Amino acid sequence: MYEVRFHPSAARELETLDARMRRRVERAVDRLAQEPRGGAVKLRGAADLWRLRVGDYRVVYQIRDAILVVLVIGCAIAARPTGEPSIER
């Protein structure tokens, strides 16, 4: 099992979310402790970064297998092309 840690800036970003979305992100991040690559996509052009979609938000994180740590680097709304509707899942 991995330990999940938040970079200080990611923790601040999480606090800015409304309560409902914050809970959704927290639950998704908690699941990373069991399977850090499950449901995630490796970022192109980055050797060690992954992203996880939670509704309209993306959680960007690093997996450190040698010490069993998932380091959450950021949590922000995903960019969409202008005019594309937001879809709540």
PDB file of N, CA and C in Angstrom:
ATOM      1  N   MET A   1       0.838  -1.180   0.000  1.00  0.00           N
ATOM      2  CA  MET A   1       0.000   0.000   0.000  1.00  0.00           C
ATOM      3  C   MET A   1       0.886   1.248   0.000  1.00  0.00           C
ATOM      4  N   TYR A   2       0.494   2.214  -0.803  1.00  0.00           N
ATOM      5  CA  TYR A   2       1.244   3.459  -0.925  1.00  0.00           C
ATOM      6  C   TYR A   2       0.750   4.492   0.081  1.00  0.00           C
ATOM      7  N   GLU A   3       1.623   5.390   0.446  1.00  0.00           N
ATOM      8  CA  GLU A   3       1.245   6.540   1.262  1.00  0.00           C
ATOM      9  C   GLU A   3       0.951   7.688   0.302  1.00  0.00           C
ATOM     10  N   VAL A   4      -0.148   8.388   0.527  1.00  0.00           N
ATOM     11  CA  VAL A   4      -0.501   9.533  -0.311  1.00  0.00           C
ATOM     12  C   VAL A   4      -0.102  10.807   0.417  1.00  0.00           C
ATOM     13  N   ARG A   5       0.676  11.640  -0.261  1.00  0.00           N
ATOM     14  CA  ARG A   5       1.093  12.931   0.297  1.00  0.00           C
ATOM     15  C   ARG A   5       0.679  14.030  -0.665  1.00  0.00           C
ATOM     16  N   PHE A   6       0.407  15.204  -0.117  1.00  0.00           N
ATOM     17  CA  PHE A   6       0.058  16.354  -0.930  1.00  0.00           C
ATOM     18  C   PHE A   6       1.190  17.371  -0.892  1.00  0.00           C
ATOM     19  N   HIS A   7       1.588  17.843  -2.056  1.00  0.00           N
ATOM     20  CA  HIS A   7       2.491  18.980  -2.129  1.00  0.00           C
ATOM     21  C   HIS A   7       1.728  20.147  -1.509  1.00  0.00           C
ATOM     22  N   PRO A   8       2.387  21.059  -0.797  1.00  0.00           N
ATOM     23  CA  PRO A   8       1.666  22.173  -0.162  1.00  0.00           C
ATOM     24  C   PRO A   8       0.772  22.956  -1.113  1.00  0.00           C
ATOM     25  N   SER A   9       1.217  23.194  -2.335  1.00  0.00           N
ATOM     26  CA  SER A   9       0.374  23.944  -3.277  1.00  0.00           C
ATOM     27  C   SER A   9      -0.851  23.130  -3.692  1.00  0.00           C
ATOM     28  N   ALA A  10      -0.708  21.817  -3.799  1.00  0.00           N
ATOM     29  CA  ALA A  10      -1.855  20.970  -4.136  1.00  0.00           C
ATOM     30  C   ALA A  10      -2.864  20.956  -2.997  1.00  0.00           C
ATOM     31  N   ALA A  11      -2.381  20.951  -1.765  1.00  0.00           N
ATOM     32  CA  ALA A  11      -3.283  20.996  -0.608  1.00  0.00           C
ATOM     33  C   ALA A  11      -4.068  22.310  -0.601  1.00  0.00           C
ATOM     34  N   ARG A  12      -3.413  23.405  -0.950  1.00  0.00           N
ATOM     35  CA  ARG A  12      -4.106  24.699  -1.026  1.00  0.00           C
ATOM     36  C   ARG A  12      -5.152  24.696  -2.137  1.00  0.00           C
ATOM     37  N   GLU A  13      -4.812  24.109  -3.282  1.00  0.00           N
ATOM     38  CA  GLU A  13      -5.763  24.025  -4.390  1.00  0.00           C
ATOM     39  C   GLU A  13      -6.986  23.208  -3.980  1.00  0.00           C
ATOM     40  N   LEU A  14      -6.766  22.122  -3.274  1.00  0.00           N
ATOM     41  CA  LEU A  14      -7.864  21.274  -2.816  1.00  0.00           C
ATOM     42  C   LEU A  14      -8.798  22.050  -1.898  1.00  0.00           C
ATOM     43  N   GLU A  15      -8.246  22.871  -1.038  1.00  0.00           N
ATOM     44  CA  GLU A  15      -9.061  23.651  -0.096  1.00  0.00           C
ATOM     45  C   GLU A  15      -9.944  24.682  -0.801  1.00  0.00           C
ATOM     46  N   THR A  16      -9.591  25.089  -2.015  1.00  0.00           N
ATOM     47  CA  THR A  16     -10.389  26.088  -2.725  1.00  0.00           C
ATOM     48  C   THR A  16     -11.629  25.479  -3.385  1.00  0.00           C
ATOM     49  N   LEU A  17     -11.692  24.150  -3.493  1.00  0.00           N
ATOM     50  CA  LEU A  17     -12.837  23.499  -4.125  1.00  0.00           C
ATOM     51  C   LEU A  17     -14.050  23.550  -3.205  1.00  0.00           C
ATOM     52  N   ASP A  18     -15.249  23.512  -3.812  1.00  0.00           N
ATOM     53  CA  ASP A  18     -16.440  23.455  -2.969  1.00  0.00           C
ATOM     54  C   ASP A  18     -16.462  22.098  -2.258  1.00  0.00           C
ATOM     55  N   ALA A  19     -17.208  21.999  -1.182  1.00  0.00           N
ATOM     56  CA  ALA A  19     -17.172  20.819  -0.310  1.00  0.00           C
ATOM     57  C   ALA A  19     -17.477  19.526  -1.058  1.00  0.00           C
ATOM     58  N   ARG A  20     -18.459  19.556  -1.942  1.00  0.00           N
ATOM     59  CA  ARG A  20     -18.843  18.338  -2.666  1.00  0.00           C
ATOM     60  C   ARG A  20     -17.707  17.853  -3.561  1.00  0.00           C
ATOM     61  N   MET A  21     -17.104  18.757  -4.332  1.00  0.00           N
ATOM     62  CA  MET A  21     -16.016  18.367  -5.224  1.00  0.00           C
ATOM     63  C   MET A  21     -14.785  17.969  -4.426  1.00  0.00           C
ATOM     64  N   ARG A  22     -14.523  18.654  -3.327  1.00  0.00           N
ATOM     65  CA  ARG A  22     -13.374  18.300  -2.489  1.00  0.00           C
ATOM     66  C   ARG A  22     -13.504  16.860  -1.991  1.00  0.00           C
ATOM     67  N   ARG A  23     -14.705  16.468  -1.548  1.00  0.00           N
ATOM     68  CA  ARG A  23     -14.913  15.087  -1.083  1.00  0.00           C
ATOM     69  C   ARG A  23     -14.686  14.091  -2.217  1.00  0.00           C
ATOM     70  N   ARG A  24     -15.159  14.417  -3.420  1.00  0.00           N
ATOM     71  CA  ARG A  24     -14.964  13.524  -4.569  1.00  0.00           C
ATOM     72  C   ARG A  24     -13.474  13.349  -4.876  1.00  0.00           C
ATOM     73  N   VAL A  25     -12.748  14.453  -4.875  1.00  0.00           N
ATOM     74  CA  VAL A  25     -11.310  14.391  -5.150  1.00  0.00           C
ATOM     75  C   VAL A  25     -10.604  13.611  -4.048  1.00  0.00           C
ATOM     76  N   GLU A  26     -10.959  13.868  -2.794  1.00  0.00           N
ATOM     77  CA  GLU A  26     -10.324  13.161  -1.675  1.00  0.00           C
ATOM     78  C   GLU A  26     -10.557  11.658  -1.772  1.00  0.00           C
ATOM     79  N   ARG A  27     -11.773  11.242  -2.123  1.00  0.00           N
ATOM     80  CA  ARG A  27     -12.056   9.799  -2.262  1.00  0.00           C
ATOM     81  C   ARG A  27     -11.228   9.195  -3.389  1.00  0.00           C
ATOM     82  N   ALA A  28     -11.142   9.913  -4.516  1.00  0.00           N
ATOM     83  CA  ALA A  28     -10.359   9.405  -5.649  1.00  0.00           C
ATOM     84  C   ALA A  28      -8.879   9.290  -5.285  1.00  0.00           C
ATOM     85  N   VAL A  29      -8.368  10.291  -4.593  1.00  0.00           N
ATOM     86  CA  VAL A  29      -6.955  10.276  -4.191  1.00  0.00           C
ATOM     87  C   VAL A  29      -6.700   9.166  -3.175  1.00  0.00           C
ATOM     88  N   ASP A  30      -7.637   8.947  -2.263  1.00  0.00           N
ATOM     89  CA  ASP A  30      -7.478   7.857  -1.289  1.00  0.00           C
ATOM     90  C   ASP A  30      -7.359   6.504  -1.984  1.00  0.00           C
ATOM     91  N   ARG A  31      -8.083   6.320  -3.083  1.00  0.00           N
ATOM     92  CA  ARG A  31      -8.003   5.052  -3.824  1.00  0.00           C
ATOM     93  C   ARG A  31      -6.628   4.851  -4.467  1.00  0.00           C
ATOM     94  N   LEU A  32      -5.900   5.931  -4.699  1.00  0.00           N
ATOM     95  CA  LEU A  32      -4.556   5.819  -5.276  1.00  0.00           C
ATOM     96  C   LEU A  32      -3.608   5.060  -4.357  1.00  0.00           C
ATOM     97  N   ALA A  33      -3.870   5.069  -3.059  1.00  0.00           N
ATOM     98  CA  ALA A  33      -3.014   4.348  -2.120  1.00  0.00           C
ATOM     99  C   ALA A  33      -3.034   2.845  -2.414  1.00  0.00           C
ATOM    100  N   GLN A  34      -4.169   2.347  -2.898  1.00  0.00           N
ATOM    101  CA  GLN A  34      -4.288   0.923  -3.226  1.00  0.00           C
ATOM    102  C   GLN A  34      -3.732   0.606  -4.618  1.00  0.00           C
ATOM    103  N   GLU A  35      -4.096   1.431  -5.584  1.00  0.00           N
ATOM    104  CA  GLU A  35      -3.671   1.207  -6.966  1.00  0.00           C
ATOM    105  C   GLU A  35      -3.379   2.545  -7.637  1.00  0.00           C
ATOM    106  N   PRO A  36      -2.141   3.016  -7.545  1.00  0.00           N
ATOM    107  CA  PRO A  36      -1.811   4.350  -8.050  1.00  0.00           C
ATOM    108  C   PRO A  36      -1.937   4.518  -9.562  1.00  0.00           C
ATOM    109  N   ARG A  37      -1.965   3.434 -10.310  1.00  0.00           N
ATOM    110  CA  ARG A  37      -2.073   3.557 -11.765  1.00  0.00           C
ATOM    111  C   ARG A  37      -3.475   3.228 -12.276  1.00  0.00           C
ATOM    112  N   GLY A  38      -4.350   2.796 -11.403  1.00  0.00           N
ATOM    113  CA  GLY A  38      -5.698   2.404 -11.805  1.00  0.00           C
ATOM    114  C   GLY A  38      -6.541   3.589 -12.229  1.00  0.00           C
ATOM    115  N   GLY A  39      -7.036   3.569 -13.457  1.00  0.00           N
ATOM    116  CA  GLY A  39      -7.891   4.625 -13.959  1.00  0.00           C
ATOM    117  C   GLY A  39      -7.172   5.918 -14.301  1.00  0.00           C
ATOM    118  N   ALA A  40      -5.860   5.926 -14.208  1.00  0.00           N
ATOM    119  CA  ALA A  40      -5.078   7.137 -14.469  1.00  0.00           C
ATOM    120  C   ALA A  40      -4.405   7.044 -15.835  1.00  0.00           C
ATOM    121  N   VAL A  41      -3.943   8.197 -16.303  1.00  0.00           N
ATOM    122  CA  VAL A  41      -3.247   8.278 -17.592  1.00  0.00           C
ATOM    123  C   VAL A  41      -1.886   8.911 -17.355  1.00  0.00           C
ATOM    124  N   LYS A  42      -0.861   8.293 -17.925  1.00  0.00           N
ATOM    125  CA  LYS A  42       0.485   8.855 -17.825  1.00  0.00           C
ATOM    126  C   LYS A  42       0.554  10.096 -18.706  1.00  0.00           C
ATOM    127  N   LEU A  43       1.103  11.175 -18.183  1.00  0.00           N
ATOM    128  CA  LEU A  43       1.212  12.404 -18.949  1.00  0.00           C
ATOM    129  C   LEU A  43       2.300  12.272 -20.007  1.00  0.00           C
ATOM    130  N   ARG A  44       1.970  12.682 -21.218  1.00  0.00           N
ATOM    131  CA  ARG A  44       2.963  12.662 -22.299  1.00  0.00           C
ATOM    132  C   ARG A  44       4.009  13.730 -22.033  1.00  0.00           C
ATOM    133  N   GLY A  45       5.241  13.405 -22.317  1.00  0.00           N
ATOM    134  CA  GLY A  45       6.322  14.367 -22.173  1.00  0.00           C
ATOM    135  C   GLY A  45       6.838  14.516 -20.752  1.00  0.00           C
ATOM    136  N   ALA A  46       6.262  13.782 -19.819  1.00  0.00           N
ATOM    137  CA  ALA A  46       6.717  13.838 -18.428  1.00  0.00           C
ATOM    138  C   ALA A  46       7.088  12.413 -18.006  1.00  0.00           C
ATOM    139  N   ALA A  47       8.273  12.258 -17.536  1.00  0.00           N
ATOM    140  CA  ALA A  47       8.766  10.920 -17.209  1.00  0.00           C
ATOM    141  C   ALA A  47       8.002  10.251 -16.076  1.00  0.00           C
ATOM    142  N   ASP A  48       7.535  11.036 -15.122  1.00  0.00           N
ATOM    143  CA  ASP A  48       6.980  10.400 -13.927  1.00  0.00           C
ATOM    144  C   ASP A  48       5.670  11.020 -13.437  1.00  0.00           C
ATOM    145  N   LEU A  49       4.910  11.666 -14.319  1.00  0.00           N
ATOM    146  CA  LEU A  49       3.666  12.299 -13.888  1.00  0.00           C
ATOM    147  C   LEU A  49       2.450  11.569 -14.458  1.00  0.00           C
ATOM    148  N   TRP A  50       1.417  11.504 -13.650  1.00  0.00           N
ATOM    149  CA  TRP A  50       0.157  10.858 -14.004  1.00  0.00           C
ATOM    150  C   TRP A  50      -0.977  11.838 -13.758  1.00  0.00           C
ATOM    151  N   ARG A  51      -2.109  11.608 -14.440  1.00  0.00           N
ATOM    152  CA  ARG A  51      -3.285  12.439 -14.183  1.00  0.00           C
ATOM    153  C   ARG A  51      -4.494  11.541 -13.997  1.00  0.00           C
ATOM    154  N   LEU A  52      -5.365  12.003 -13.140  1.00  0.00           N
ATOM    155  CA  LEU A  52      -6.586  11.284 -12.820  1.00  0.00           C
ATOM    156  C   LEU A  52      -7.745  12.244 -12.984  1.00  0.00           C
ATOM    157  N   ARG A  53      -8.749  11.853 -13.724  1.00  0.00           N
ATOM    158  CA  ARG A  53      -9.915  12.706 -13.943  1.00  0.00           C
ATOM    159  C   ARG A  53     -10.932  12.464 -12.835  1.00  0.00           C
ATOM    160  N   VAL A  54     -11.407  13.578 -12.264  1.00  0.00           N
ATOM    161  CA  VAL A  54     -12.472  13.536 -11.261  1.00  0.00           C
ATOM    162  C   VAL A  54     -13.479  14.604 -11.692  1.00  0.00           C
ATOM    163  N   GLY A  55     -14.524  14.193 -12.399  1.00  0.00           N
ATOM    164  CA  GLY A  55     -15.462  15.158 -12.959  1.00  0.00           C
ATOM    165  C   GLY A  55     -14.741  16.045 -13.952  1.00  0.00           C
ATOM    166  N   ASP A  56     -14.886  17.364 -13.791  1.00  0.00           N
ATOM    167  CA  ASP A  56     -14.205  18.315 -14.665  1.00  0.00           C
ATOM    168  C   ASP A  56     -12.795  18.644 -14.178  1.00  0.00           C
ATOM    169  N   TYR A  57     -12.370  18.036 -13.098  1.00  0.00           N
ATOM    170  CA  TYR A  57     -11.067  18.334 -12.507  1.00  0.00           C
ATOM    171  C   TYR A  57     -10.049  17.257 -12.852  1.00  0.00           C
ATOM    172  N   ARG A  58      -8.793  17.652 -12.803  1.00  0.00           N
ATOM    173  CA  ARG A  58      -7.687  16.719 -12.994  1.00  0.00           C
ATOM    174  C   ARG A  58      -6.778  16.787 -11.783  1.00  0.00           C
ATOM    175  N   VAL A  59      -6.383  15.611 -11.331  1.00  0.00           N
ATOM    176  CA  VAL A  59      -5.408  15.507 -10.246  1.00  0.00           C
ATOM    177  C   VAL A  59      -4.112  15.037 -10.902  1.00  0.00           C
ATOM    178  N   VAL A  60      -3.051  15.795 -10.725  1.00  0.00           N
ATOM    179  CA  VAL A  60      -1.748  15.438 -11.287  1.00  0.00           C
ATOM    180  C   VAL A  60      -0.884  14.952 -10.138  1.00  0.00           C
ATOM    181  N   TYR A  61      -0.233  13.815 -10.352  1.00  0.00           N
ATOM    182  CA  TYR A  61       0.566  13.242  -9.267  1.00  0.00           C
ATOM    183  C   TYR A  61       1.755  12.463  -9.793  1.00  0.00           C
ATOM    184  N   GLN A  62       2.641  12.165  -8.875  1.00  0.00           N
ATOM    185  CA  GLN A  62       3.879  11.440  -9.136  1.00  0.00           C
ATOM    186  C   GLN A  62       3.822  10.144  -8.338  1.00  0.00           C
ATOM    187  N   ILE A  63       4.284   9.060  -8.921  1.00  0.00           N
ATOM    188  CA  ILE A  63       4.360   7.780  -8.214  1.00  0.00           C
ATOM    189  C   ILE A  63       5.824   7.508  -7.922  1.00  0.00           C
ATOM    190  N   ARG A  64       6.121   7.319  -6.660  1.00  0.00           N
ATOM    191  CA  ARG A  64       7.496   7.005  -6.249  1.00  0.00           C
ATOM    192  C   ARG A  64       7.520   5.568  -5.726  1.00  0.00           C
ATOM    193  N   ASP A  65       7.703   4.629  -6.654  1.00  0.00           N
ATOM    194  CA  ASP A  65       7.636   3.206  -6.316  1.00  0.00           C
ATOM    195  C   ASP A  65       8.678   2.778  -5.293  1.00  0.00           C
ATOM    196  N   ALA A  66       9.859   3.341  -5.342  1.00  0.00           N
ATOM    197  CA  ALA A  66      10.941   2.921  -4.455  1.00  0.00           C
ATOM    198  C   ALA A  66      10.586   3.116  -2.980  1.00  0.00           C
ATOM    199  N   ILE A  67       9.788   4.145  -2.690  1.00  0.00           N
ATOM    200  CA  ILE A  67       9.428   4.407  -1.286  1.00  0.00           C
ATOM    201  C   ILE A  67       7.922   4.315  -1.054  1.00  0.00           C
ATOM    202  N   LEU A  68       7.177   3.788  -2.056  1.00  0.00           N
ATOM    203  CA  LEU A  68       5.729   3.585  -1.959  1.00  0.00           C
ATOM    204  C   LEU A  68       4.984   4.857  -1.571  1.00  0.00           C
ATOM    205  N   VAL A  69       5.217   5.918  -2.341  1.00  0.00           N
ATOM    206  CA  VAL A  69       4.568   7.209  -2.085  1.00  0.00           C
ATOM    207  C   VAL A  69       3.908   7.703  -3.369  1.00  0.00           C
ATOM    208  N   VAL A  70       2.698   8.230  -3.222  1.00  0.00           N
ATOM    209  CA  VAL A  70       2.027   8.951  -4.288  1.00  0.00           C
ATOM    210  C   VAL A  70       2.027  10.408  -3.846  1.00  0.00           C
ATOM    211  N   LEU A  71       2.665  11.277  -4.618  1.00  0.00           N
ATOM    212  CA  LEU A  71       2.750  12.695  -4.292  1.00  0.00           C
ATOM    213  C   LEU A  71       1.814  13.473  -5.210  1.00  0.00           C
ATOM    214  N   VAL A  72       0.750  14.029  -4.634  1.00  0.00           N
ATOM    215  CA  VAL A  72      -0.200  14.816  -5.413  1.00  0.00           C
ATOM    216  C   VAL A  72       0.413  16.198  -5.626  1.00  0.00           C
ATOM    217  N   ILE A  73       0.542  16.583  -6.884  1.00  0.00           N
ATOM    218  CA  ILE A  73       1.204  17.828  -7.245  1.00  0.00           C
ATOM    219  C   ILE A  73       0.205  18.943  -7.525  1.00  0.00           C
ATOM    220  N   GLY A  74      -0.961  18.600  -8.050  1.00  0.00           N
ATOM    221  CA  GLY A  74      -1.933  19.642  -8.357  1.00  0.00           C
ATOM    222  C   GLY A  74      -3.326  19.096  -8.541  1.00  0.00           C
ATOM    223  N   CYS A  75      -4.292  19.989  -8.408  1.00  0.00           N
ATOM    224  CA  CYS A  75      -5.695  19.660  -8.617  1.00  0.00           C
ATOM    225  C   CYS A  75      -6.359  20.911  -9.179  1.00  0.00           C
ATOM    226  N   ALA A  76      -6.797  20.850 -10.428  1.00  0.00           N
ATOM    227  CA  ALA A  76      -7.375  22.035 -11.056  1.00  0.00           C
ATOM    228  C   ALA A  76      -8.400  21.619 -12.093  1.00  0.00           C
ATOM    229  N   ILE A  77      -9.254  22.553 -12.438  1.00  0.00           N
ATOM    230  CA  ILE A  77     -10.252  22.286 -13.469  1.00  0.00           C
ATOM    231  C   ILE A  77      -9.533  22.090 -14.795  1.00  0.00           C
ATOM    232  N   ALA A  78     -10.017  21.133 -15.560  1.00  0.00           N
ATOM    233  CA  ALA A  78      -9.396  20.817 -16.841  1.00  0.00           C
ATOM    234  C   ALA A  78      -9.791  21.842 -17.881  1.00  0.00           C
ATOM    235  N   ALA A  79      -8.887  22.130 -18.755  1.00  0.00           N
ATOM    236  CA  ALA A  79      -9.177  23.066 -19.856  1.00  0.00           C
ATOM    237  C   ALA A  79     -10.043  22.355 -20.880  1.00  0.00           C
ATOM    238  N   ARG A  80     -11.054  23.067 -21.369  1.00  0.00           N
ATOM    239  CA  ARG A  80     -11.927  22.538 -22.412  1.00  0.00           C
ATOM    240  C   ARG A  80     -11.942  23.535 -23.560  1.00  0.00           C
ATOM    241  N   PRO A  81     -12.165  23.049 -24.758  1.00  0.00           N
ATOM    242  CA  PRO A  81     -12.315  23.983 -25.887  1.00  0.00           C
ATOM    243  C   PRO A  81     -13.485  24.928 -25.609  1.00  0.00           C
ATOM    244  N   THR A  82     -13.395  26.142 -26.040  1.00  0.00           N
ATOM    245  CA  THR A  82     -14.441  27.136 -25.833  1.00  0.00           C
ATOM    246  C   THR A  82     -15.761  26.617 -26.372  1.00  0.00           C
ATOM    247  N   GLY A  83     -16.797  26.782 -25.557  1.00  0.00           N
ATOM    248  CA  GLY A  83     -18.135  26.376 -25.978  1.00  0.00           C
ATOM    249  C   GLY A  83     -18.488  24.944 -25.646  1.00  0.00           C
ATOM    250  N   GLU A  84     -17.535  24.124 -25.227  1.00  0.00           N
ATOM    251  CA  GLU A  84     -17.830  22.750 -24.874  1.00  0.00           C
ATOM    252  C   GLU A  84     -18.511  22.733 -23.518  1.00  0.00           C
ATOM    253  N   PRO A  85     -19.642  22.063 -23.389  1.00  0.00           N
ATOM    254  CA  PRO A  85     -20.365  22.054 -22.108  1.00  0.00           C
ATOM    255  C   PRO A  85     -19.647  21.226 -21.055  1.00  0.00           C
ATOM    256  N   SER A  86     -19.880  21.593 -19.812  1.00  0.00           N
ATOM    257  CA  SER A  86     -19.355  20.830 -18.687  1.00  0.00           C
ATOM    258  C   SER A  86     -20.297  19.666 -18.419  1.00  0.00           C
ATOM    259  N   ILE A  87     -19.749  18.488 -18.201  1.00  0.00           N
ATOM    260  CA  ILE A  87     -20.572  17.315 -17.941  1.00  0.00           C
ATOM    261  C   ILE A  87     -20.248  16.817 -16.545  1.00  0.00           C
ATOM    262  N   GLU A  88     -21.225  16.801 -15.654  1.00  0.00           N
ATOM    263  CA  GLU A  88     -21.038  16.318 -14.281  1.00  0.00           C
ATOM    264  C   GLU A  88     -21.244  14.819 -14.289  1.00  0.00           C
ATOM    265  N   ARG A  89     -20.299  14.091 -13.718  1.00  0.00           N
ATOM    266  CA  ARG A  89     -20.411  12.628 -13.666  1.00  0.00           C
ATOM    267  C   ARG A  89     -20.657  12.177 -12.262  1.00  0.00           C
TER     268      ARG A  89
END
